[in-house]
Amino acid sequence: MRVANMQQTDDMVTGWTMTRTRRELLAAAKAFRFLCAPVRDLAEVMSDRHLFERGMLQWIEHPELGRVVLPNSPLRFHGVDPVRAGPSRALGADNEPVYGAWLGLPPERLLELRSAAAI
C-alpha cells in the first residue's frame, strides 16, 4: 500500500515534519517507540564533548592549518591502546622513498619528473 502511494506518503510526512522542531519530532517518535536519532550538523558534532571524551574525535596541530579536529577509528580492542591520528604528510613528502627506493627510479629521473611537474 505504501509503495503504491509512496509520493503521497512522502509529501504528507515531509509536510508534517516541516512544521515541527527537531526536538518535537524526537519526542513524538519516542512517544510512539520509533527507533530514531537526530541528524546533527558539523557544528553540533564538533561541540559534543562526549565524542572527545570517548576518543572518537581529537584535536591535532596541523603544520599548515593549525589546530584541527580529526576523527579517530571507532574500532577498540581490549588491552590495546587506540592509534591516535595525526596530520597527513605534505603532498610529495614521500616521493623519494616511493619512487626511488620502492620503484627503483634513479635521482636524475626524479629530477626530470619534478621539472615536468609530474610529481
N, C-alpha and C. Protein backbone atom coordinates (compact mmCIF):
# COMPACT_ATOMS: atom_id res chain seq x y z
N MET A 1 0.82 -1.19 0.00
CA MET A 1 0.00 0.00 0.00
C MET A 1 0.87 1.26 0.00
N ARG A 2 1.92 1.27 0.86
CA ARG A 2 2.76 2.46 0.91
C ARG A 2 3.51 2.67 -0.40
N VAL A 3 3.96 1.58 -1.03
CA VAL A 3 4.70 1.72 -2.28
C VAL A 3 3.81 2.34 -3.35
N ALA A 4 2.57 1.92 -3.41
CA ALA A 4 1.64 2.46 -4.41
C ALA A 4 1.40 3.95 -4.18
N ASN A 5 1.50 4.38 -2.94
CA ASN A 5 1.26 5.79 -2.60
C ASN A 5 2.51 6.45 -2.02
N MET A 6 3.66 6.03 -2.49
CA MET A 6 4.91 6.49 -1.90
C MET A 6 5.05 8.01 -1.95
N GLN A 7 4.80 8.62 -3.09
CA GLN A 7 4.96 10.07 -3.21
C GLN A 7 3.99 10.80 -2.30
N GLN A 8 2.75 10.34 -2.26
CA GLN A 8 1.75 10.97 -1.39
C GLN A 8 2.16 10.82 0.08
N THR A 9 2.62 9.63 0.45
CA THR A 9 3.07 9.40 1.82
C THR A 9 4.26 10.30 2.15
N ASP A 10 5.21 10.36 1.23
CA ASP A 10 6.39 11.20 1.44
C ASP A 10 6.00 12.67 1.60
N ASP A 11 5.08 13.13 0.76
CA ASP A 11 4.62 14.52 0.84
C ASP A 11 3.95 14.80 2.19
N MET A 12 3.15 13.84 2.67
CA MET A 12 2.46 14.02 3.95
C MET A 12 3.46 14.08 5.10
N VAL A 13 4.39 13.15 5.10
CA VAL A 13 5.38 13.12 6.18
C VAL A 13 6.26 14.37 6.13
N THR A 14 6.68 14.75 4.94
CA THR A 14 7.51 15.95 4.79
C THR A 14 6.76 17.18 5.28
N GLY A 15 5.50 17.32 4.88
CA GLY A 15 4.70 18.45 5.32
C GLY A 15 4.56 18.50 6.83
N TRP A 16 4.36 17.34 7.44
CA TRP A 16 4.20 17.27 8.89
C TRP A 16 5.51 17.61 9.60
N THR A 17 6.63 17.05 9.11
CA THR A 17 7.91 17.29 9.79
C THR A 17 8.39 18.72 9.62
N MET A 18 8.04 19.37 8.53
CA MET A 18 8.50 20.74 8.29
C MET A 18 7.88 21.74 9.26
N THR A 19 6.81 21.35 9.94
CA THR A 19 6.14 22.28 10.86
C THR A 19 6.57 22.06 12.30
N ARG A 20 7.55 21.21 12.53
CA ARG A 20 7.98 20.89 13.88
C ARG A 20 9.49 21.04 14.03
N THR A 21 9.89 21.27 15.26
CA THR A 21 11.33 21.33 15.54
C THR A 21 11.87 19.91 15.65
N ARG A 22 13.15 19.82 15.61
CA ARG A 22 13.79 18.51 15.75
C ARG A 22 13.45 17.90 17.12
N ARG A 23 13.45 18.74 18.14
CA ARG A 23 13.13 18.25 19.49
C ARG A 23 11.70 17.70 19.53
N GLU A 24 10.76 18.39 18.89
CA GLU A 24 9.37 17.91 18.86
C GLU A 24 9.26 16.60 18.10
N LEU A 25 9.99 16.49 17.00
CA LEU A 25 9.95 15.26 16.22
C LEU A 25 10.51 14.08 17.02
N LEU A 26 11.60 14.30 17.73
CA LEU A 26 12.18 13.23 18.54
C LEU A 26 11.25 12.83 19.68
N ALA A 27 10.59 13.81 20.29
CA ALA A 27 9.64 13.49 21.37
C ALA A 27 8.47 12.67 20.84
N ALA A 28 7.96 13.05 19.66
CA ALA A 28 6.85 12.30 19.06
C ALA A 28 7.30 10.88 18.71
N ALA A 29 8.47 10.74 18.15
CA ALA A 29 8.98 9.42 17.80
C ALA A 29 9.15 8.56 19.05
N LYS A 30 9.68 9.17 20.10
CA LYS A 30 9.87 8.44 21.36
C LYS A 30 8.53 7.99 21.94
N ALA A 31 7.52 8.86 21.85
CA ALA A 31 6.19 8.52 22.38
C ALA A 31 5.61 7.30 21.67
N PHE A 32 5.93 7.14 20.38
CA PHE A 32 5.42 6.01 19.62
C PHE A 32 6.44 4.87 19.52
N ARG A 33 7.53 5.00 20.29
CA ARG A 33 8.58 3.98 20.36
C ARG A 33 9.24 3.71 19.01
N PHE A 34 9.37 4.76 18.20
CA PHE A 34 10.11 4.66 16.94
C PHE A 34 11.60 4.74 17.27
N LEU A 35 12.38 3.90 16.65
CA LEU A 35 13.82 4.00 16.79
C LEU A 35 14.31 5.10 15.86
N CYS A 36 14.92 6.10 16.43
CA CYS A 36 15.44 7.19 15.61
C CYS A 36 16.50 7.95 16.38
N ALA A 37 17.20 8.79 15.68
CA ALA A 37 18.20 9.66 16.29
C ALA A 37 18.28 10.91 15.43
N PRO A 38 18.67 12.02 16.02
CA PRO A 38 18.77 13.24 15.23
C PRO A 38 19.96 13.19 14.28
N VAL A 39 19.82 13.87 13.17
CA VAL A 39 20.95 14.08 12.27
C VAL A 39 21.55 15.42 12.68
N ARG A 40 22.80 15.37 13.10
CA ARG A 40 23.42 16.59 13.61
C ARG A 40 24.30 17.22 12.54
N ASP A 41 24.39 18.54 12.60
CA ASP A 41 25.28 19.22 11.66
C ASP A 41 26.70 19.21 12.23
N LEU A 42 27.63 19.67 11.43
CA LEU A 42 29.04 19.59 11.82
C LEU A 42 29.32 20.38 13.09
N ALA A 43 28.71 21.54 13.24
CA ALA A 43 28.94 22.34 14.45
C ALA A 43 28.48 21.59 15.70
N GLU A 44 27.37 20.88 15.61
CA GLU A 44 26.87 20.11 16.75
C GLU A 44 27.81 18.95 17.08
N VAL A 45 28.29 18.29 16.06
CA VAL A 45 29.21 17.18 16.29
C VAL A 45 30.50 17.69 16.92
N MET A 46 31.03 18.78 16.38
CA MET A 46 32.30 19.32 16.86
C MET A 46 32.21 19.86 18.29
N SER A 47 31.02 20.21 18.73
CA SER A 47 30.89 20.75 20.09
C SER A 47 30.43 19.68 21.09
N ASP A 48 30.37 18.44 20.66
CA ASP A 48 29.93 17.36 21.54
C ASP A 48 31.12 16.86 22.37
N ARG A 49 31.19 17.31 23.60
CA ARG A 49 32.29 16.96 24.50
C ARG A 49 32.42 15.44 24.65
N HIS A 50 31.30 14.75 24.63
CA HIS A 50 31.30 13.30 24.81
C HIS A 50 32.12 12.60 23.72
N LEU A 51 32.04 13.08 22.48
CA LEU A 51 32.80 12.46 21.39
C LEU A 51 34.30 12.59 21.61
N PHE A 52 34.72 13.71 22.21
CA PHE A 52 36.14 13.88 22.52
C PHE A 52 36.53 13.02 23.72
N GLU A 53 35.68 12.98 24.74
CA GLU A 53 35.97 12.17 25.93
C GLU A 53 36.07 10.69 25.60
N ARG A 54 35.26 10.22 24.66
CA ARG A 54 35.28 8.81 24.27
C ARG A 54 36.37 8.51 23.24
N GLY A 55 37.10 9.54 22.80
CA GLY A 55 38.18 9.33 21.85
C GLY A 55 37.73 9.18 20.41
N MET A 56 36.49 9.55 20.12
CA MET A 56 36.00 9.46 18.74
C MET A 56 36.54 10.62 17.90
N LEU A 57 36.75 11.76 18.55
CA LEU A 57 37.32 12.93 17.89
C LEU A 57 38.52 13.40 18.70
N GLN A 58 39.47 14.03 18.02
CA GLN A 58 40.63 14.59 18.72
C GLN A 58 41.11 15.84 18.01
N TRP A 59 41.65 16.75 18.78
CA TRP A 59 42.28 17.94 18.22
C TRP A 59 43.74 17.62 17.95
N ILE A 60 44.25 18.09 16.81
CA ILE A 60 45.67 17.95 16.50
C ILE A 60 46.19 19.29 15.99
N GLU A 61 47.50 19.43 16.00
CA GLU A 61 48.14 20.60 15.40
C GLU A 61 48.62 20.20 14.01
N HIS A 62 48.06 20.84 13.00
CA HIS A 62 48.47 20.59 11.62
C HIS A 62 49.51 21.64 11.25
N PRO A 63 50.59 21.25 10.57
CA PRO A 63 51.65 22.22 10.28
C PRO A 63 51.21 23.40 9.41
N GLU A 64 50.21 23.23 8.58
CA GLU A 64 49.75 24.33 7.73
C GLU A 64 48.41 24.90 8.16
N LEU A 65 47.53 24.08 8.70
CA LEU A 65 46.17 24.52 9.03
C LEU A 65 46.00 24.93 10.48
N GLY A 66 46.99 24.64 11.31
CA GLY A 66 46.86 24.96 12.74
C GLY A 66 46.07 23.88 13.46
N ARG A 67 45.28 24.30 14.43
CA ARG A 67 44.52 23.35 15.25
C ARG A 67 43.28 22.89 14.49
N VAL A 68 43.19 21.58 14.24
CA VAL A 68 42.05 21.00 13.53
C VAL A 68 41.59 19.74 14.26
N VAL A 69 40.37 19.36 14.01
CA VAL A 69 39.83 18.15 14.64
C VAL A 69 39.85 17.01 13.63
N LEU A 70 40.16 15.82 14.12
CA LEU A 70 40.17 14.62 13.28
C LEU A 70 39.35 13.53 13.95
N PRO A 71 38.70 12.70 13.14
CA PRO A 71 38.04 11.54 13.72
C PRO A 71 39.08 10.46 14.01
N ASN A 72 38.84 9.70 15.05
CA ASN A 72 39.66 8.53 15.35
C ASN A 72 38.92 7.29 14.87
N SER A 73 39.61 6.20 14.80
CA SER A 73 38.98 4.94 14.42
C SER A 73 37.97 4.54 15.49
N PRO A 74 36.79 4.09 15.07
CA PRO A 74 35.81 3.63 16.05
C PRO A 74 36.14 2.24 16.61
N LEU A 75 37.12 1.58 16.03
CA LEU A 75 37.47 0.22 16.46
C LEU A 75 38.27 0.28 17.76
N ARG A 76 37.85 -0.51 18.72
CA ARG A 76 38.52 -0.59 20.01
C ARG A 76 38.75 -2.06 20.33
N PHE A 77 39.95 -2.37 20.82
CA PHE A 77 40.28 -3.74 21.19
C PHE A 77 40.75 -3.76 22.63
N HIS A 78 40.25 -4.71 23.39
CA HIS A 78 40.59 -4.83 24.81
C HIS A 78 42.10 -4.97 24.97
N GLY A 79 42.66 -4.15 25.83
CA GLY A 79 44.08 -4.23 26.13
C GLY A 79 44.99 -3.57 25.11
N VAL A 80 44.42 -2.94 24.10
CA VAL A 80 45.23 -2.29 23.06
C VAL A 80 44.90 -0.80 23.06
N ASP A 81 45.93 0.02 23.21
CA ASP A 81 45.71 1.46 23.15
C ASP A 81 45.29 1.86 21.74
N PRO A 82 44.31 2.75 21.63
CA PRO A 82 43.90 3.18 20.29
C PRO A 82 45.02 3.95 19.59
N VAL A 83 45.09 3.81 18.30
CA VAL A 83 46.06 4.55 17.50
C VAL A 83 45.55 5.98 17.37
N ARG A 84 46.39 6.93 17.71
CA ARG A 84 46.00 8.33 17.62
C ARG A 84 46.31 8.84 16.22
N ALA A 85 45.36 9.51 15.62
CA ALA A 85 45.56 10.07 14.29
C ALA A 85 46.49 11.28 14.38
N GLY A 86 47.12 11.57 13.30
CA GLY A 86 47.99 12.74 13.22
C GLY A 86 47.82 13.40 11.87
N PRO A 87 48.47 14.52 11.66
CA PRO A 87 48.32 15.19 10.37
C PRO A 87 48.95 14.37 9.25
N SER A 88 48.38 14.50 8.09
CA SER A 88 48.95 13.84 6.91
C SER A 88 50.26 14.52 6.55
N ARG A 89 51.12 13.77 5.92
CA ARG A 89 52.36 14.38 5.44
C ARG A 89 52.04 15.25 4.23
N ALA A 90 52.88 16.21 3.97
CA ALA A 90 52.67 17.13 2.85
C ALA A 90 52.70 16.35 1.54
N LEU A 91 51.95 16.84 0.57
CA LEU A 91 51.90 16.22 -0.75
C LEU A 91 53.32 16.16 -1.32
N GLY A 92 53.74 14.99 -1.71
CA GLY A 92 55.06 14.80 -2.29
C GLY A 92 56.16 14.54 -1.28
N ALA A 93 55.86 14.59 0.00
CA ALA A 93 56.89 14.40 1.03
C ALA A 93 57.53 13.02 0.96
N ASP A 94 56.83 12.05 0.44
CA ASP A 94 57.35 10.68 0.37
C ASP A 94 57.75 10.27 -1.04
N ASN A 95 57.89 11.23 -1.95
CA ASN A 95 58.22 10.89 -3.33
C ASN A 95 59.55 10.15 -3.45
N GLU A 96 60.58 10.63 -2.77
CA GLU A 96 61.89 9.99 -2.91
C GLU A 96 61.89 8.54 -2.46
N PRO A 97 61.38 8.23 -1.27
CA PRO A 97 61.39 6.81 -0.89
C PRO A 97 60.49 5.95 -1.78
N VAL A 98 59.36 6.49 -2.21
CA VAL A 98 58.44 5.69 -3.03
C VAL A 98 59.02 5.47 -4.42
N TYR A 99 59.35 6.57 -5.11
CA TYR A 99 59.84 6.44 -6.48
C TYR A 99 61.27 5.90 -6.53
N GLY A 100 62.08 6.29 -5.55
CA GLY A 100 63.47 5.85 -5.54
C GLY A 100 63.65 4.46 -4.97
N ALA A 101 63.41 4.31 -3.68
CA ALA A 101 63.68 3.03 -3.00
C ALA A 101 62.70 1.94 -3.44
N TRP A 102 61.43 2.25 -3.50
CA TRP A 102 60.44 1.21 -3.82
C TRP A 102 60.39 0.89 -5.31
N LEU A 103 60.37 1.95 -6.13
CA LEU A 103 60.21 1.72 -7.57
C LEU A 103 61.53 1.72 -8.34
N GLY A 104 62.61 2.07 -7.66
CA GLY A 104 63.93 1.98 -8.28
C GLY A 104 64.26 3.07 -9.28
N LEU A 105 63.56 4.19 -9.26
CA LEU A 105 63.90 5.27 -10.19
C LEU A 105 65.16 5.99 -9.71
N PRO A 106 66.08 6.28 -10.64
CA PRO A 106 67.30 6.99 -10.24
C PRO A 106 67.00 8.46 -9.92
N PRO A 107 67.87 9.10 -9.15
CA PRO A 107 67.65 10.51 -8.77
C PRO A 107 67.45 11.43 -9.97
N GLU A 108 68.15 11.16 -11.09
CA GLU A 108 68.00 12.01 -12.28
C GLU A 108 66.57 11.96 -12.81
N ARG A 109 65.98 10.78 -12.77
CA ARG A 109 64.59 10.62 -13.26
C ARG A 109 63.62 11.36 -12.35
N LEU A 110 63.86 11.31 -11.04
CA LEU A 110 63.02 12.06 -10.11
C LEU A 110 63.10 13.55 -10.41
N LEU A 111 64.31 14.03 -10.71
CA LEU A 111 64.50 15.44 -11.05
C LEU A 111 63.72 15.79 -12.31
N GLU A 112 63.77 14.92 -13.31
CA GLU A 112 63.01 15.15 -14.55
C GLU A 112 61.51 15.21 -14.27
N LEU A 113 61.02 14.29 -13.46
CA LEU A 113 59.59 14.26 -13.14
C LEU A 113 59.17 15.51 -12.37
N ARG A 114 60.03 15.97 -11.45
CA ARG A 114 59.73 17.20 -10.72
C ARG A 114 59.72 18.40 -11.68
N SER A 115 60.70 18.46 -12.58
CA SER A 115 60.79 19.57 -13.54
C SER A 115 59.58 19.62 -14.45
N ALA A 116 59.04 18.45 -14.78
CA ALA A 116 57.86 18.38 -15.65
C ALA A 116 56.57 18.53 -14.85
N ALA A 117 56.68 18.78 -13.55
CA ALA A 117 55.52 18.91 -12.65
C ALA A 117 54.66 17.65 -12.66
N ALA A 118 55.30 16.50 -12.92
CA ALA A 118 54.58 15.23 -12.91
C ALA A 118 54.45 14.70 -11.48
N ILE A 119 55.38 15.09 -10.65
CA ILE A 119 55.31 14.72 -9.22
C ILE A 119 55.64 15.93 -8.39
